[in-house]
């Protein structure tokens, strides 16, 4: 995982989020905790030695873009530069496909796997997205279960956070069910998670 030199907390429509960065680009994005001090402790645990600082330049632009997105604007975040040092080749492929999903759109784990190719499966995609350290910028909330279910989301707030993010973006997949409760998630997608547990959840 890339090392961070700086971090900052910033307010959004979802609550207080956080970013970490170095000279290359973003190294981490955090979704809100119940309390801002808990979020700051989590960032500090993962970014040992990083200094809290006011974002400037490209990082300030990235924070502004994420804030606008979470306020309901259709904002393209693909120009935000990430430092992917330490991210393995398969995860990079999954994240590249996921970053191409625009606001208001969703793909299933299986559809992402098909676009990743080379033997990728819905389960492997879910596990990869569970390692995503850049939620919002790598929009793992836009990957859902087959049949209209939300699928997993291990970021703070769980599937309710995922539901809120999709609602903010006015996500409109084909057919009913995306915001319905109690739907089964068939096949591998039932066991897939999305939402940055392994890295951003540290």
Protein backbone atom coordinates (compact mmCIF):
# COMPACT_ATOMS: atom_id res chain seq x y z
CA UNK A 1 0.00 0.00 0.00
CA UNK A 2 1.30 3.44 -0.92
CA UNK A 3 2.51 5.56 1.97
CA UNK A 4 0.76 8.85 2.71
CA UNK A 5 2.50 12.09 3.59
CA UNK A 6 -0.62 14.12 4.32
CA UNK A 7 -4.26 13.68 5.24
CA UNK A 8 -7.33 15.87 5.63
CA UNK A 9 -10.93 15.54 6.73
CA UNK A 10 -13.67 17.21 4.71
CA UNK A 11 -17.42 17.63 5.05
CA UNK A 12 -19.85 16.06 2.56
CA UNK A 13 -23.56 15.38 2.28
CA UNK A 14 -22.89 11.94 3.81
CA UNK A 15 -20.88 13.35 6.69
CA UNK A 16 -17.18 13.87 7.37
CA UNK A 17 -14.96 12.02 4.89
CA UNK A 18 -11.16 11.91 4.67
CA UNK A 19 -8.38 11.67 2.13
CA UNK A 20 -4.68 10.88 2.32
CA UNK A 21 -2.13 11.70 -0.34
CA UNK A 22 1.51 11.93 -1.32
CA UNK A 23 3.43 13.59 -4.14
CA UNK A 24 1.99 11.15 -6.70
CA UNK A 25 -1.71 11.32 -5.84
CA UNK A 26 -4.37 10.02 -3.47
CA UNK A 27 -3.39 7.06 -1.34
CA UNK A 28 -6.65 6.63 0.58
CA UNK A 29 -10.25 7.79 0.86
CA UNK A 30 -12.46 7.17 3.90
CA UNK A 31 -16.24 7.25 4.14
CA UNK A 32 -17.80 8.78 7.26
CA UNK A 33 -17.63 7.22 10.71
CA UNK A 34 -20.34 7.91 13.27
CA UNK A 35 -18.06 10.54 14.83
CA UNK A 36 -15.36 12.67 13.20
CA UNK A 37 -12.84 11.90 15.96
CA UNK A 38 -13.23 8.17 15.26
CA UNK A 39 -12.56 8.84 11.59
CA UNK A 40 -9.45 10.84 12.42
CA UNK A 41 -8.14 8.04 14.64
CA UNK A 42 -8.72 5.51 11.87
CA UNK A 43 -6.85 7.65 9.35
CA UNK A 44 -3.99 8.22 11.78
CA UNK A 45 -3.68 4.46 12.47
CA UNK A 46 -3.28 3.69 8.79
CA UNK A 47 -1.22 6.74 7.84
CA UNK A 48 1.47 6.61 10.51
CA UNK A 49 3.67 9.67 10.24
CA UNK A 50 1.34 11.53 7.89
CA UNK A 51 0.65 15.18 8.70
CA UNK A 52 -2.80 16.76 8.69
CA UNK A 53 -2.77 19.49 6.05
CA UNK A 54 -5.05 21.64 3.96
CA UNK A 55 -5.40 20.16 0.45
CA UNK A 56 -4.14 22.31 -2.41
CA UNK A 57 -3.78 21.99 -6.16
CA UNK A 58 -4.94 18.68 -7.62
CA UNK A 59 -5.83 17.28 -4.19
CA UNK A 60 -8.07 20.27 -3.41
CA UNK A 61 -9.71 19.76 -6.82
CA UNK A 62 -10.27 16.08 -6.00
CA UNK A 63 -11.86 16.90 -2.64
CA UNK A 64 -14.10 19.49 -4.30
CA UNK A 65 -15.15 16.99 -6.98
CA UNK A 66 -16.00 14.31 -4.40
CA UNK A 67 -17.97 16.83 -2.36
CA UNK A 68 -19.96 17.88 -5.43
CA UNK A 69 -20.61 14.24 -6.36
CA UNK A 70 -21.98 13.45 -2.90
CA UNK A 71 -24.17 16.55 -3.15
CA UNK A 72 -25.90 15.04 -6.19
CA UNK A 73 -23.95 16.49 -9.10
CA UNK A 74 -22.90 14.25 -11.99
CA UNK A 75 -19.15 14.63 -11.62
CA UNK A 76 -16.52 12.58 -13.44
CA UNK A 77 -13.76 11.56 -11.01
CA UNK A 78 -11.63 9.71 -13.56
CA UNK A 79 -9.11 12.54 -13.78
CA UNK A 80 -8.18 12.18 -10.11
CA UNK A 81 -4.69 10.69 -9.87
CA UNK A 82 -4.18 7.74 -7.55
CA UNK A 83 -0.97 6.24 -6.24
CA UNK A 84 -1.55 2.53 -6.84
CA UNK A 85 1.79 1.36 -5.44
CA UNK A 86 1.21 -1.94 -3.70
CA UNK A 87 -2.06 -2.66 -5.54
CA UNK A 88 -1.74 -5.96 -7.41
CA UNK A 89 -2.38 -6.36 -11.12
CA UNK A 90 -5.81 -8.01 -10.78
CA UNK A 91 -7.09 -5.34 -8.41
CA UNK A 92 -5.87 -2.64 -10.78
CA UNK A 93 -7.90 -4.22 -13.60
CA UNK A 94 -11.00 -4.42 -11.41
CA UNK A 95 -10.60 -0.83 -10.26
CA UNK A 96 -10.11 0.41 -13.84
CA UNK A 97 -13.42 -1.18 -14.87
CA UNK A 98 -15.14 0.13 -11.74
CA UNK A 99 -13.86 3.68 -12.32
CA UNK A 100 -15.48 3.59 -15.76
CA UNK A 101 -18.97 3.18 -14.23
CA UNK A 102 -20.47 6.66 -14.36
CA UNK A 103 -22.68 8.33 -11.74
CA UNK A 104 -26.23 7.02 -11.91
CA UNK A 105 -25.13 3.72 -13.44
CA UNK A 106 -24.45 0.31 -11.89
CA UNK A 107 -22.91 -2.97 -12.97
CA UNK A 108 -23.26 -6.37 -11.32
CA UNK A 109 -20.26 -8.21 -9.93
CA UNK A 110 -20.59 -10.62 -12.86
CA UNK A 111 -20.66 -7.79 -15.41
CA UNK A 112 -17.52 -6.30 -13.92
CA UNK A 113 -15.88 -9.73 -14.03
CA UNK A 114 -16.79 -10.11 -17.71
CA UNK A 115 -15.15 -6.76 -18.50
CA UNK A 116 -12.08 -7.60 -16.43
CA UNK A 117 -11.73 -10.87 -18.38
CA UNK A 118 -8.95 -13.43 -18.00
CA UNK A 119 -10.98 -15.80 -15.83
CA UNK A 120 -12.28 -13.20 -13.37
CA UNK A 121 -15.35 -14.24 -11.36
CA UNK A 122 -18.05 -12.34 -9.49
CA UNK A 123 -16.58 -13.60 -6.22
CA UNK A 124 -13.06 -12.47 -7.12
CA UNK A 125 -14.39 -9.04 -8.11
CA UNK A 126 -16.21 -8.74 -4.78
CA UNK A 127 -13.07 -9.68 -2.87
CA UNK A 128 -11.05 -7.17 -4.88
CA UNK A 129 -13.54 -4.38 -4.18
CA UNK A 130 -13.40 -5.33 -0.50
CA UNK A 131 -9.72 -4.32 -0.64
CA UNK A 132 -10.50 -0.98 -2.31
CA UNK A 133 -8.79 1.84 -0.42
CA UNK A 134 -10.31 4.58 -2.58
CA UNK A 135 -14.12 4.50 -2.20
CA UNK A 136 -15.94 7.27 -4.06
CA UNK A 137 -13.03 7.63 -6.52
CA UNK A 138 -13.06 3.89 -7.22
CA UNK A 139 -16.86 3.72 -6.91
CA UNK A 140 -17.35 0.22 -5.53
CA UNK A 141 -20.85 1.28 -4.40
CA UNK A 142 -21.88 1.12 -8.08
CA UNK A 143 -21.30 -2.65 -8.21
CA UNK A 144 -24.39 -4.57 -7.14
CA UNK A 145 -25.68 -8.13 -6.93
CA UNK A 146 -27.37 -9.98 -9.75
CA UNK A 147 -31.16 -9.70 -9.59
CA UNK A 148 -31.30 -6.16 -8.25
CA UNK A 149 -29.95 -6.64 -4.71
CA UNK A 150 -27.43 -4.20 -3.30
CA UNK A 151 -24.76 -6.79 -2.57
CA UNK A 152 -22.28 -6.34 0.25
CA UNK A 153 -20.65 -3.15 1.48
CA UNK A 154 -18.19 -3.31 4.33
CA UNK A 155 -17.46 0.41 4.66
CA UNK A 156 -18.86 2.23 7.73
CA UNK A 157 -22.64 2.15 7.65
CA UNK A 158 -22.71 -1.01 5.55
CA UNK A 159 -25.36 -1.39 2.88
CA UNK A 160 -27.24 1.65 4.19
CA UNK A 161 -24.28 3.82 3.16
CA UNK A 162 -24.23 2.10 -0.22
CA UNK A 163 -27.97 2.69 -0.60
CA UNK A 164 -27.58 6.39 0.28
CA UNK A 165 -24.74 6.87 -2.19
CA UNK A 166 -26.72 5.26 -5.00
CA UNK A 167 -29.80 7.30 -4.09
CA UNK A 168 -27.75 10.52 -4.17
CA UNK A 169 -26.61 9.56 -7.66
CA UNK A 170 -30.18 8.62 -8.69
CA UNK A 171 -28.97 5.21 -9.84
CA UNK A 172 -31.47 3.68 -12.26
CA UNK A 173 -30.58 0.11 -13.23
CA UNK A 174 -32.78 -1.95 -15.54
CA UNK A 175 -35.65 -3.59 -13.69
CA UNK A 176 -36.87 -3.28 -10.06
CA UNK A 177 -35.13 -4.22 -6.89
CA UNK A 178 -32.04 -2.08 -6.34
CA UNK A 179 -33.52 -0.38 -3.31
CA UNK A 180 -35.72 -3.28 -2.21
CA UNK A 181 -34.93 -5.08 1.03
CA UNK A 182 -34.72 -8.79 1.54
CA UNK A 183 -33.70 -9.91 -1.94
CA UNK A 184 -31.45 -12.94 -2.21
CA UNK A 185 -28.15 -12.45 -3.99
CA UNK A 186 -27.64 -15.48 -6.23
CA UNK A 187 -24.43 -17.39 -6.78
CA UNK A 188 -21.04 -15.93 -6.02
CA UNK A 189 -22.46 -12.43 -5.62
CA UNK A 190 -24.09 -13.48 -2.33
CA UNK A 191 -20.64 -13.92 -0.83
CA UNK A 192 -19.05 -10.90 -2.52
CA UNK A 193 -18.44 -7.74 -0.57
CA UNK A 194 -17.79 -4.25 -1.82
CA UNK A 195 -16.59 -1.34 0.19
CA UNK A 196 -12.99 -1.18 1.22
CA UNK A 197 -12.80 -3.38 4.28
CA UNK A 198 -9.27 -4.66 3.98
CA UNK A 199 -7.57 -1.34 3.38
CA UNK A 200 -9.72 1.67 4.01
CA UNK A 201 -11.34 -0.16 6.89
CA UNK A 202 -8.07 -0.39 8.77
